[in-house]
Amino acid sequence: MNIYIKFDTSYTCKAVLRDLMKEANIPYHIAGLNEIELNEELTVEALVELKKNFASYGIEIIDDHKTTLIQKVKDTILEMVWNDEVNPAITTSAYLAEKLHHSYGYLSNLFSEITFTSIENFIIIQKIERAKSLLINEHLTLTEISYTLNYSSVAHLSAQFKKTTGLTPTSFQKIIKARRENRENA
């Protein structure tokens, strides 16, 4: 027997972090996506223990400035793509520069240097992942998805979808439908 679940990864991760911080008895505040503000300095031993406990859940504490900034870029993009309430009226480059207090050129160069891909490619991948999620879970039309993800047209969304996944959105929907039918008939 299989059961199917739906969950919000952001909520789930925050719940795990709350449990780990409570267990460690460390006063904190979750300041944002992937950022915890500690109310007091930790001893080296406490930090080592916290890192170990986090690692058991696949959570890593980032120690250097560049990696932290790259994570903030990723988090900001994820927030833009996955949170319907965040819909900046300005371009992504201006939004990132304004939100992270660095020029877009600097962020773009650093992102490419550290991740070996561009910010634009990361955005496209996230948008296509969100489009797939909306097709599977929300059963939205391509027009609705195109609007939700700020694409200029359905054709643009379809072209990026095919380039990224190797499938057209319609083919993807057919595969998902066939898999569901196979599960139901099994």
N, C-alpha and C. Protein backbone atom coordinates (compact mmCIF):
# COMPACT_ATOMS: atom_id res chain seq x y z
N MET A 1 0.84 -1.18 0.00
CA MET A 1 0.00 0.00 0.00
C MET A 1 0.89 1.25 0.00
N ASN A 2 0.53 2.22 -0.79
CA ASN A 2 1.22 3.50 -0.82
C ASN A 2 0.30 4.58 -0.30
N ILE A 3 0.89 5.54 0.39
CA ILE A 3 0.14 6.75 0.73
C ILE A 3 0.89 7.91 0.08
N TYR A 4 0.18 8.91 -0.31
CA TYR A 4 0.77 10.06 -0.96
C TYR A 4 0.62 11.26 -0.04
N ILE A 5 1.70 12.02 0.05
CA ILE A 5 1.70 13.15 0.97
C ILE A 5 2.01 14.43 0.21
N LYS A 6 1.58 15.52 0.76
CA LYS A 6 1.89 16.84 0.25
C LYS A 6 2.37 17.64 1.44
N PHE A 7 3.49 18.34 1.27
CA PHE A 7 4.00 19.12 2.40
C PHE A 7 4.71 20.35 1.89
N ASP A 8 4.81 21.31 2.76
CA ASP A 8 5.51 22.56 2.50
C ASP A 8 6.92 22.41 3.05
N THR A 9 7.91 22.36 2.16
CA THR A 9 9.29 22.12 2.61
C THR A 9 9.78 23.22 3.54
N SER A 10 9.36 24.45 3.29
CA SER A 10 9.79 25.55 4.15
C SER A 10 9.25 25.36 5.57
N TYR A 11 7.98 25.04 5.69
CA TYR A 11 7.37 24.82 7.00
C TYR A 11 8.02 23.62 7.70
N THR A 12 8.24 22.55 6.95
CA THR A 12 8.82 21.34 7.51
C THR A 12 10.23 21.61 8.03
N CYS A 13 11.03 22.32 7.23
CA CYS A 13 12.39 22.64 7.65
C CYS A 13 12.38 23.52 8.90
N LYS A 14 11.50 24.51 8.93
CA LYS A 14 11.41 25.38 10.12
C LYS A 14 11.01 24.58 11.36
N ALA A 15 10.13 23.61 11.20
CA ALA A 15 9.72 22.77 12.33
C ALA A 15 10.90 21.96 12.84
N VAL A 16 11.69 21.40 11.94
CA VAL A 16 12.89 20.64 12.34
C VAL A 16 13.86 21.56 13.06
N LEU A 17 14.09 22.75 12.51
CA LEU A 17 15.00 23.71 13.15
C LEU A 17 14.51 24.09 14.55
N ARG A 18 13.21 24.35 14.69
CA ARG A 18 12.66 24.68 16.01
C ARG A 18 12.93 23.55 17.00
N ASP A 19 12.68 22.31 16.56
CA ASP A 19 12.91 21.17 17.45
C ASP A 19 14.37 21.04 17.84
N LEU A 20 15.28 21.20 16.88
CA LEU A 20 16.71 21.08 17.17
C LEU A 20 17.19 22.20 18.09
N MET A 21 16.72 23.42 17.86
CA MET A 21 17.15 24.55 18.70
C MET A 21 16.58 24.41 20.12
N LYS A 22 15.35 23.93 20.22
CA LYS A 22 14.74 23.71 21.54
C LYS A 22 15.49 22.61 22.29
N GLU A 23 15.82 21.53 21.58
CA GLU A 23 16.57 20.42 22.17
C GLU A 23 17.94 20.89 22.67
N ALA A 24 18.58 21.80 21.93
CA ALA A 24 19.90 22.32 22.31
C ALA A 24 19.79 23.42 23.36
N ASN A 25 18.56 23.85 23.66
CA ASN A 25 18.31 24.91 24.64
C ASN A 25 19.04 26.20 24.27
N ILE A 26 18.95 26.57 23.00
CA ILE A 26 19.59 27.79 22.50
C ILE A 26 18.51 28.80 22.15
N PRO A 27 18.53 29.98 22.79
CA PRO A 27 17.55 31.01 22.44
C PRO A 27 17.83 31.55 21.03
N TYR A 28 16.79 31.66 20.22
CA TYR A 28 16.97 32.02 18.82
C TYR A 28 15.71 32.69 18.28
N HIS A 29 15.85 33.16 17.05
CA HIS A 29 14.72 33.67 16.27
C HIS A 29 14.99 33.29 14.82
N ILE A 30 14.01 32.70 14.13
CA ILE A 30 14.18 32.40 12.71
C ILE A 30 13.96 33.70 11.96
N ALA A 31 15.07 34.25 11.43
CA ALA A 31 15.07 35.58 10.83
C ALA A 31 14.57 35.58 9.40
N GLY A 32 14.61 34.46 8.75
CA GLY A 32 14.18 34.39 7.36
C GLY A 32 14.45 33.00 6.84
N LEU A 33 14.25 32.86 5.55
CA LEU A 33 14.49 31.58 4.93
C LEU A 33 15.96 31.22 5.11
N ASN A 34 16.24 30.12 5.80
CA ASN A 34 17.60 29.61 6.01
C ASN A 34 18.48 30.53 6.85
N GLU A 35 17.89 31.29 7.74
CA GLU A 35 18.70 32.17 8.61
C GLU A 35 18.14 32.13 10.02
N ILE A 36 19.02 31.81 10.97
CA ILE A 36 18.64 31.78 12.38
C ILE A 36 19.46 32.85 13.09
N GLU A 37 18.77 33.69 13.83
CA GLU A 37 19.43 34.73 14.62
C GLU A 37 19.53 34.22 16.05
N LEU A 38 20.77 34.08 16.53
CA LEU A 38 20.99 33.59 17.89
C LEU A 38 20.94 34.75 18.86
N ASN A 39 20.31 34.54 20.00
CA ASN A 39 20.19 35.59 21.02
C ASN A 39 21.42 35.70 21.90
N GLU A 40 22.33 34.73 21.75
CA GLU A 40 23.58 34.76 22.53
C GLU A 40 24.66 34.03 21.74
N GLU A 41 25.90 34.33 22.07
CA GLU A 41 27.03 33.65 21.42
C GLU A 41 27.09 32.21 21.88
N LEU A 42 27.49 31.34 20.97
CA LEU A 42 27.63 29.93 21.32
C LEU A 42 29.08 29.61 21.63
N THR A 43 29.27 28.66 22.54
CA THR A 43 30.62 28.17 22.78
C THR A 43 31.01 27.31 21.57
N VAL A 44 32.28 27.07 21.41
CA VAL A 44 32.77 26.22 20.32
C VAL A 44 32.13 24.84 20.42
N GLU A 45 32.06 24.31 21.65
CA GLU A 45 31.48 22.98 21.87
C GLU A 45 30.01 22.96 21.47
N ALA A 46 29.27 24.00 21.83
CA ALA A 46 27.84 24.05 21.50
C ALA A 46 27.64 24.15 19.98
N LEU A 47 28.51 24.92 19.30
CA LEU A 47 28.42 25.04 17.86
C LEU A 47 28.73 23.71 17.17
N VAL A 48 29.73 23.00 17.65
CA VAL A 48 30.08 21.69 17.10
C VAL A 48 28.91 20.72 17.27
N GLU A 49 28.32 20.72 18.44
CA GLU A 49 27.18 19.84 18.72
C GLU A 49 25.97 20.20 17.84
N LEU A 50 25.73 21.49 17.67
CA LEU A 50 24.63 21.95 16.83
C LEU A 50 24.85 21.53 15.37
N LYS A 51 26.09 21.69 14.89
CA LYS A 51 26.42 21.27 13.53
C LYS A 51 26.17 19.77 13.35
N LYS A 52 26.55 18.99 14.34
CA LYS A 52 26.36 17.53 14.28
C LYS A 52 24.87 17.19 14.24
N ASN A 53 24.09 17.84 15.08
CA ASN A 53 22.65 17.58 15.12
C ASN A 53 21.97 18.02 13.82
N PHE A 54 22.38 19.17 13.30
CA PHE A 54 21.83 19.65 12.03
C PHE A 54 22.18 18.67 10.91
N ALA A 55 23.42 18.18 10.89
CA ALA A 55 23.89 17.30 9.82
C ALA A 55 23.06 16.02 9.74
N SER A 56 22.54 15.56 10.87
CA SER A 56 21.73 14.34 10.85
C SER A 56 20.43 14.54 10.06
N TYR A 57 20.05 15.79 9.81
CA TYR A 57 18.87 16.12 9.00
C TYR A 57 19.26 16.69 7.64
N GLY A 58 20.55 16.63 7.32
CA GLY A 58 21.01 17.17 6.04
C GLY A 58 21.08 18.68 6.02
N ILE A 59 21.14 19.30 7.19
CA ILE A 59 21.22 20.76 7.30
C ILE A 59 22.67 21.12 7.62
N GLU A 60 23.19 22.11 6.91
CA GLU A 60 24.59 22.50 7.07
C GLU A 60 24.66 23.96 7.51
N ILE A 61 25.52 24.24 8.47
CA ILE A 61 25.78 25.61 8.88
C ILE A 61 26.87 26.16 7.97
N ILE A 62 26.60 27.30 7.36
CA ILE A 62 27.53 27.90 6.41
C ILE A 62 28.43 28.88 7.16
N ASP A 63 29.75 28.74 6.94
CA ASP A 63 30.71 29.53 7.70
C ASP A 63 31.31 30.72 6.96
N ASP A 64 31.36 30.69 5.62
CA ASP A 64 32.05 31.78 4.95
C ASP A 64 31.08 32.75 4.26
N HIS A 65 31.53 33.98 4.09
CA HIS A 65 30.70 35.07 3.58
C HIS A 65 30.18 34.81 2.16
N LYS A 66 31.03 34.34 1.27
CA LYS A 66 30.62 34.14 -0.12
C LYS A 66 29.54 33.07 -0.21
N THR A 67 29.73 31.97 0.47
CA THR A 67 28.75 30.89 0.44
C THR A 67 27.43 31.35 1.07
N THR A 68 27.53 32.14 2.13
CA THR A 68 26.33 32.68 2.76
C THR A 68 25.58 33.58 1.79
N LEU A 69 26.29 34.43 1.07
CA LEU A 69 25.65 35.32 0.11
C LEU A 69 25.01 34.54 -1.02
N ILE A 70 25.67 33.50 -1.51
CA ILE A 70 25.09 32.66 -2.56
C ILE A 70 23.82 32.00 -2.05
N GLN A 71 23.83 31.54 -0.81
CA GLN A 71 22.62 30.93 -0.24
C GLN A 71 21.50 31.95 -0.15
N LYS A 72 21.84 33.20 0.18
CA LYS A 72 20.82 34.25 0.24
C LYS A 72 20.25 34.54 -1.15
N VAL A 73 21.10 34.49 -2.18
CA VAL A 73 20.61 34.67 -3.55
C VAL A 73 19.62 33.55 -3.88
N LYS A 74 20.01 32.32 -3.59
CA LYS A 74 19.14 31.17 -3.86
C LYS A 74 17.83 31.29 -3.09
N ASP A 75 17.92 31.65 -1.82
CA ASP A 75 16.72 31.77 -1.00
C ASP A 75 15.78 32.86 -1.53
N THR A 76 16.35 33.97 -1.97
CA THR A 76 15.55 35.07 -2.51
C THR A 76 14.85 34.62 -3.79
N ILE A 77 15.56 33.90 -4.63
CA ILE A 77 14.97 33.39 -5.88
C ILE A 77 13.87 32.38 -5.55
N LEU A 78 14.14 31.47 -4.63
CA LEU A 78 13.13 30.48 -4.24
C LEU A 78 11.88 31.17 -3.69
N GLU A 79 12.08 32.18 -2.90
CA GLU A 79 10.97 32.95 -2.34
C GLU A 79 10.16 33.61 -3.47
N MET A 80 10.86 34.17 -4.45
CA MET A 80 10.18 34.82 -5.58
C MET A 80 9.38 33.81 -6.39
N VAL A 81 9.95 32.65 -6.65
CA VAL A 81 9.32 31.66 -7.53
C VAL A 81 8.22 30.89 -6.82
N TRP A 82 8.44 30.52 -5.57
CA TRP A 82 7.52 29.62 -4.88
C TRP A 82 6.49 30.31 -4.00
N ASN A 83 6.67 31.59 -3.69
CA ASN A 83 5.73 32.30 -2.82
C ASN A 83 4.89 33.23 -3.69
N ASP A 84 3.62 32.93 -3.82
CA ASP A 84 2.74 33.73 -4.67
C ASP A 84 2.59 35.17 -4.19
N GLU A 85 2.87 35.41 -2.91
CA GLU A 85 2.73 36.76 -2.38
C GLU A 85 3.92 37.66 -2.73
N VAL A 86 5.04 37.04 -3.12
CA VAL A 86 6.22 37.81 -3.52
C VAL A 86 6.21 37.90 -5.03
N ASN A 87 5.83 39.04 -5.54
CA ASN A 87 5.76 39.24 -6.98
C ASN A 87 6.30 40.64 -7.27
N PRO A 88 7.63 40.74 -7.32
CA PRO A 88 8.19 42.08 -7.46
C PRO A 88 7.77 42.74 -8.77
N ALA A 89 7.49 44.02 -8.66
CA ALA A 89 7.08 44.79 -9.84
C ALA A 89 8.30 45.22 -10.64
N ILE A 90 9.50 44.91 -10.13
CA ILE A 90 10.73 45.27 -10.82
C ILE A 90 11.39 44.01 -11.37
N THR A 91 12.43 44.17 -12.14
CA THR A 91 13.12 43.01 -12.71
C THR A 91 13.77 42.19 -11.60
N THR A 92 14.03 40.94 -11.91
CA THR A 92 14.69 40.06 -10.95
C THR A 92 16.05 40.61 -10.55
N SER A 93 16.79 41.12 -11.52
CA SER A 93 18.13 41.64 -11.21
C SER A 93 18.04 42.82 -10.24
N ALA A 94 17.10 43.72 -10.46
CA ALA A 94 16.93 44.86 -9.56
C ALA A 94 16.44 44.40 -8.19
N TYR A 95 15.55 43.44 -8.18
CA TYR A 95 15.01 42.92 -6.92
C TYR A 95 16.12 42.29 -6.08
N LEU A 96 16.96 41.44 -6.72
CA LEU A 96 18.06 40.81 -5.99
C LEU A 96 19.04 41.85 -5.47
N ALA A 97 19.40 42.82 -6.29
CA ALA A 97 20.35 43.86 -5.88
C ALA A 97 19.80 44.65 -4.70
N GLU A 98 18.52 45.00 -4.78
CA GLU A 98 17.89 45.78 -3.71
C GLU A 98 17.77 44.98 -2.42
N LYS A 99 17.35 43.75 -2.54
CA LYS A 99 17.12 42.90 -1.37
C LYS A 99 18.42 42.50 -0.67
N LEU A 100 19.49 42.27 -1.46
CA LEU A 100 20.74 41.76 -0.90
C LEU A 100 21.83 42.83 -0.76
N HIS A 101 21.53 44.05 -1.18
CA HIS A 101 22.44 45.19 -0.99
C HIS A 101 23.80 45.01 -1.66
N HIS A 102 23.78 44.41 -2.84
CA HIS A 102 24.97 44.27 -3.68
C HIS A 102 24.53 44.51 -5.11
N SER A 103 25.45 44.93 -5.96
CA SER A 103 25.10 45.11 -7.37
C SER A 103 24.78 43.76 -7.98
N TYR A 104 23.90 43.78 -8.97
CA TYR A 104 23.55 42.52 -9.63
C TYR A 104 24.77 41.93 -10.32
N GLY A 105 25.62 42.76 -10.89
CA GLY A 105 26.83 42.27 -11.55
C GLY A 105 27.70 41.47 -10.58
N TYR A 106 27.88 41.99 -9.38
CA TYR A 106 28.67 41.29 -8.37
C TYR A 106 28.01 39.97 -7.99
N LEU A 107 26.70 40.02 -7.73
CA LEU A 107 25.97 38.80 -7.35
C LEU A 107 26.05 37.75 -8.46
N SER A 108 25.88 38.20 -9.70
CA SER A 108 25.89 37.30 -10.84
C SER A 108 27.26 36.64 -11.01
N ASN A 109 28.31 37.43 -10.94
CA ASN A 109 29.67 36.89 -11.07
C ASN A 109 30.00 35.91 -9.94
N LEU A 110 29.66 36.29 -8.72
CA LEU A 110 29.93 35.43 -7.57
C LEU A 110 29.13 34.12 -7.67
N PHE A 111 27.87 34.24 -8.06
CA PHE A 111 27.02 33.06 -8.20
C PHE A 111 27.63 32.09 -9.21
N SER A 112 28.04 32.60 -10.35
CA SER A 112 28.63 31.76 -11.39
C SER A 112 29.94 31.13 -10.92
N GLU A 113 30.73 31.92 -10.20
CA GLU A 113 32.02 31.43 -9.70
C GLU A 113 31.85 30.27 -8.71
N ILE A 114 30.87 30.39 -7.84
CA ILE A 114 30.69 29.40 -6.77
C ILE A 114 29.86 28.19 -7.24
N THR A 115 28.83 28.43 -8.03
CA THR A 115 27.89 27.35 -8.38
C THR A 115 28.13 26.75 -9.77
N PHE A 116 28.95 27.41 -10.58
CA PHE A 116 29.22 26.97 -11.96
C PHE A 116 27.98 27.00 -12.84
N THR A 117 27.04 27.84 -12.50
CA THR A 117 25.86 28.10 -13.33
C THR A 117 25.46 29.55 -13.13
N SER A 118 24.60 30.05 -13.98
CA SER A 118 24.20 31.45 -13.87
C SER A 118 22.95 31.60 -13.00
N ILE A 119 22.75 32.80 -12.51
CA ILE A 119 21.52 33.10 -11.76
C ILE A 119 20.32 32.84 -12.67
N GLU A 120 20.42 33.25 -13.92
CA GLU A 120 19.31 33.09 -14.86
C GLU A 120 18.94 31.61 -15.02
N ASN A 121 19.95 30.75 -15.12
CA ASN A 121 19.69 29.32 -15.25
C ASN A 121 19.05 28.77 -13.99
N PHE A 122 19.52 29.22 -12.84
CA PHE A 122 18.93 28.78 -11.57
C PHE A 122 17.46 29.19 -11.50
N ILE A 123 17.15 30.40 -11.94
CA ILE A 123 15.76 30.88 -11.94
C ILE A 123 14.91 30.02 -12.86
N ILE A 124 15.41 29.74 -14.06
CA ILE A 124 14.66 28.92 -15.02
C ILE A 124 14.37 27.55 -14.42
N ILE A 125 15.37 26.93 -13.82
CA ILE A 125 15.18 25.60 -13.23
C ILE A 125 14.12 25.66 -12.13
N GLN A 126 14.17 26.68 -11.30
CA GLN A 126 13.17 26.80 -10.23
C GLN A 126 11.77 27.04 -10.79
N LYS A 127 11.68 27.87 -11.81
CA LYS A 127 10.37 28.13 -12.43
C LYS A 127 9.79 26.86 -13.05
N ILE A 128 10.62 26.07 -13.68
CA ILE A 128 10.14 24.83 -14.30
C ILE A 128 9.73 23.83 -13.21
N GLU A 129 10.48 23.76 -12.12
CA GLU A 129 10.09 22.89 -11.00
C GLU A 129 8.74 23.33 -10.44
N ARG A 130 8.55 24.63 -10.32
CA ARG A 130 7.26 25.15 -9.82
C ARG A 130 6.16 24.85 -10.83
N ALA A 131 6.45 25.00 -12.12
CA ALA A 131 5.45 24.70 -13.16
C ALA A 131 5.05 23.23 -13.07
N LYS A 132 6.02 22.34 -12.89
CA LYS A 132 5.72 20.92 -12.77
C LYS A 132 4.84 20.67 -11.54
N SER A 133 5.16 21.31 -10.45
CA SER A 133 4.36 21.17 -9.23
C SER A 133 2.93 21.66 -9.44
N LEU A 134 2.79 22.79 -10.12
CA LEU A 134 1.46 23.33 -10.38
C LEU A 134 0.67 22.42 -11.32
N LEU A 135 1.34 21.83 -12.29
CA LEU A 135 0.67 20.90 -13.20
C LEU A 135 0.21 19.64 -12.46
N ILE A 136 1.05 19.15 -11.57
CA ILE A 136 0.74 17.90 -10.85
C ILE A 136 -0.27 18.13 -9.74
N ASN A 137 -0.02 19.13 -8.91
CA ASN A 137 -0.80 19.29 -7.67
C ASN A 137 -1.99 20.24 -7.78
N GLU A 138 -1.87 21.26 -8.58
CA GLU A 138 -2.92 22.28 -8.63
C GLU A 138 -3.79 22.17 -9.88
N HIS A 139 -3.34 21.38 -10.85
CA HIS A 139 -4.08 21.17 -12.10
C HIS A 139 -4.42 22.49 -12.79
N LEU A 140 -3.47 23.42 -12.78
CA LEU A 140 -3.67 24.71 -13.45
C LEU A 140 -3.42 24.57 -14.95
N THR A 141 -4.00 25.46 -15.71
CA THR A 141 -3.75 25.48 -17.15
C THR A 141 -2.40 26.12 -17.40
N LEU A 142 -1.87 25.93 -18.60
CA LEU A 142 -0.59 26.55 -18.94
C LEU A 142 -0.70 28.08 -18.92
N THR A 143 -1.84 28.60 -19.30
CA THR A 143 -2.04 30.05 -19.26
C THR A 143 -1.96 30.55 -17.82
N GLU A 144 -2.60 29.84 -16.90
CA GLU A 144 -2.56 30.23 -15.48
C GLU A 144 -1.15 30.12 -14.92
N ILE A 145 -0.46 29.05 -15.29
CA ILE A 145 0.92 28.86 -14.81
C ILE A 145 1.83 29.93 -15.38
N SER A 146 1.67 30.22 -16.65
CA SER A 146 2.46 31.26 -17.31
C SER A 146 2.29 32.59 -16.58
N TYR A 147 1.08 32.93 -16.24
CA TYR A 147 0.79 34.18 -15.52
C TYR A 147 1.38 34.14 -14.11
N THR A 148 1.19 33.02 -13.42
CA THR A 148 1.69 32.87 -12.04
C THR A 148 3.20 33.04 -11.98
N LEU A 149 3.90 32.51 -12.98
CA LEU A 149 5.37 32.53 -12.97
C LEU A 149 5.96 33.71 -13.75
N ASN A 150 5.12 34.66 -14.13
CA ASN A 150 5.55 35.88 -14.81
C ASN A 150 6.23 35.63 -16.16
N TYR A 151 5.75 34.64 -16.89
CA TYR A 151 6.25 34.44 -18.25
C TYR A 151 5.53 35.40 -19.18
N SER A 152 6.22 35.82 -20.23
CA SER A 152 5.63 36.75 -21.18
C SER A 152 4.54 36.09 -22.01
N SER A 153 4.62 34.76 -22.15
CA SER A 153 3.61 34.04 -22.93
C SER A 153 3.66 32.55 -22.59
N VAL A 154 2.61 31.84 -22.97
CA VAL A 154 2.57 30.40 -22.80
C VAL A 154 3.65 29.75 -23.66
N ALA A 155 3.88 30.32 -24.85
CA ALA A 155 4.90 29.77 -25.75
C ALA A 155 6.29 29.83 -25.10
N HIS A 156 6.58 30.93 -24.41
CA HIS A 156 7.87 31.06 -23.73
C HIS A 156 8.01 30.02 -22.62
N LEU A 157 6.96 29.86 -21.82
CA LEU A 157 6.96 28.83 -20.77
C LEU A 157 7.16 27.45 -21.39
N SER A 158 6.41 27.14 -22.44
CA SER A 158 6.50 25.82 -23.08
C SER A 158 7.89 25.56 -23.64
N ALA A 159 8.48 26.58 -24.24
CA ALA A 159 9.83 26.42 -24.80
C ALA A 159 10.85 26.15 -23.70
N GLN A 160 10.79 26.90 -22.60
CA GLN A 160 11.73 26.67 -21.50
C GLN A 160 11.47 25.32 -20.84
N PHE A 161 10.21 24.93 -20.72
CA PHE A 161 9.86 23.65 -20.13
C PHE A 161 10.48 22.52 -20.94
N LYS A 162 10.32 22.58 -22.26
CA LYS A 162 10.86 21.53 -23.14
C LYS A 162 12.39 21.53 -23.11
N LYS A 163 12.99 22.70 -23.13
CA LYS A 163 14.46 22.79 -23.12
C LYS A 163 15.02 22.22 -21.81
N THR A 164 14.32 22.45 -20.71
CA THR A 164 14.80 22.01 -19.39
C THR A 164 14.52 20.54 -19.12
N THR A 165 13.32 20.08 -19.48
CA THR A 165 12.92 18.71 -19.13
C THR A 165 13.02 17.72 -20.28
N GLY A 166 13.06 18.23 -21.51
CA GLY A 166 13.05 17.36 -22.68
C GLY A 166 11.65 16.98 -23.10
N LEU A 167 10.66 17.47 -22.38
CA LEU A 167 9.25 17.18 -22.66
C LEU A 167 8.46 18.47 -22.81
N THR A 168 7.42 18.42 -23.59
CA THR A 168 6.50 19.55 -23.61
C THR A 168 5.64 19.46 -22.35
N PRO A 169 5.06 20.54 -21.90
CA PRO A 169 4.18 20.47 -20.73
C PRO A 169 3.03 19.48 -20.94
N THR A 170 2.49 19.41 -22.15
CA THR A 170 1.40 18.49 -22.45
C THR A 170 1.87 17.04 -22.31
N SER A 171 3.04 16.72 -22.84
CA SER A 171 3.59 15.37 -22.70
C SER A 171 3.82 15.04 -21.22
N PHE A 172 4.34 15.99 -20.48
CA PHE A 172 4.56 15.81 -19.05
C PHE A 172 3.24 15.48 -18.35
N GLN A 173 2.18 16.24 -18.67
CA GLN A 173 0.87 15.99 -18.07
C GLN A 173 0.36 14.59 -18.40
N LYS A 174 0.56 14.15 -19.63
CA LYS A 174 0.11 12.82 -20.05
C LYS A 174 0.84 11.73 -19.28
N ILE A 175 2.14 11.91 -19.08
CA ILE A 175 2.92 10.93 -18.32
C ILE A 175 2.43 10.86 -16.88
N ILE A 176 2.20 12.00 -16.26
CA ILE A 176 1.72 12.04 -14.88
C ILE A 176 0.34 11.38 -14.78
N LYS A 177 -0.53 11.67 -15.74
CA LYS A 177 -1.87 11.08 -15.75
C LYS A 177 -1.77 9.56 -15.89
N ALA A 178 -0.91 9.08 -16.79
CA ALA A 178 -0.74 7.64 -16.98
C ALA A 178 -0.21 6.98 -15.72
N ARG A 179 0.74 7.61 -15.05
CA ARG A 179 1.29 7.05 -13.80
C ARG A 179 0.20 6.96 -12.72
N ARG A 180 -0.61 7.99 -12.62
CA ARG A 180 -1.70 7.97 -11.63
C ARG A 180 -2.67 6.83 -11.92
N GLU A 181 -3.01 6.68 -13.20
CA GLU A 181 -3.94 5.61 -13.59
C GLU A 181 -3.33 4.24 -13.30
N ASN A 182 -2.05 4.08 -13.57
CA ASN A 182 -1.37 2.80 -13.29
C ASN A 182 -1.38 2.49 -11.80
N ARG A 183 -1.16 3.50 -10.97
CA ARG A 183 -1.16 3.30 -9.51
C ARG A 183 -2.55 2.91 -9.04
N GLU A 184 -3.55 3.60 -9.58
CA GLU A 184 -4.92 3.32 -9.17
C GLU A 184 -5.38 1.93 -9.59
N ASN A 185 -4.88 1.45 -10.72
CA ASN A 185 -5.28 0.15 -11.23
C ASN A 185 -4.43 -1.00 -10.68
N ALA A 186 -3.35 -0.65 -9.98
CA ALA A 186 -2.44 -1.70 -9.46
C ALA A 186 -2.97 -2.32 -8.20
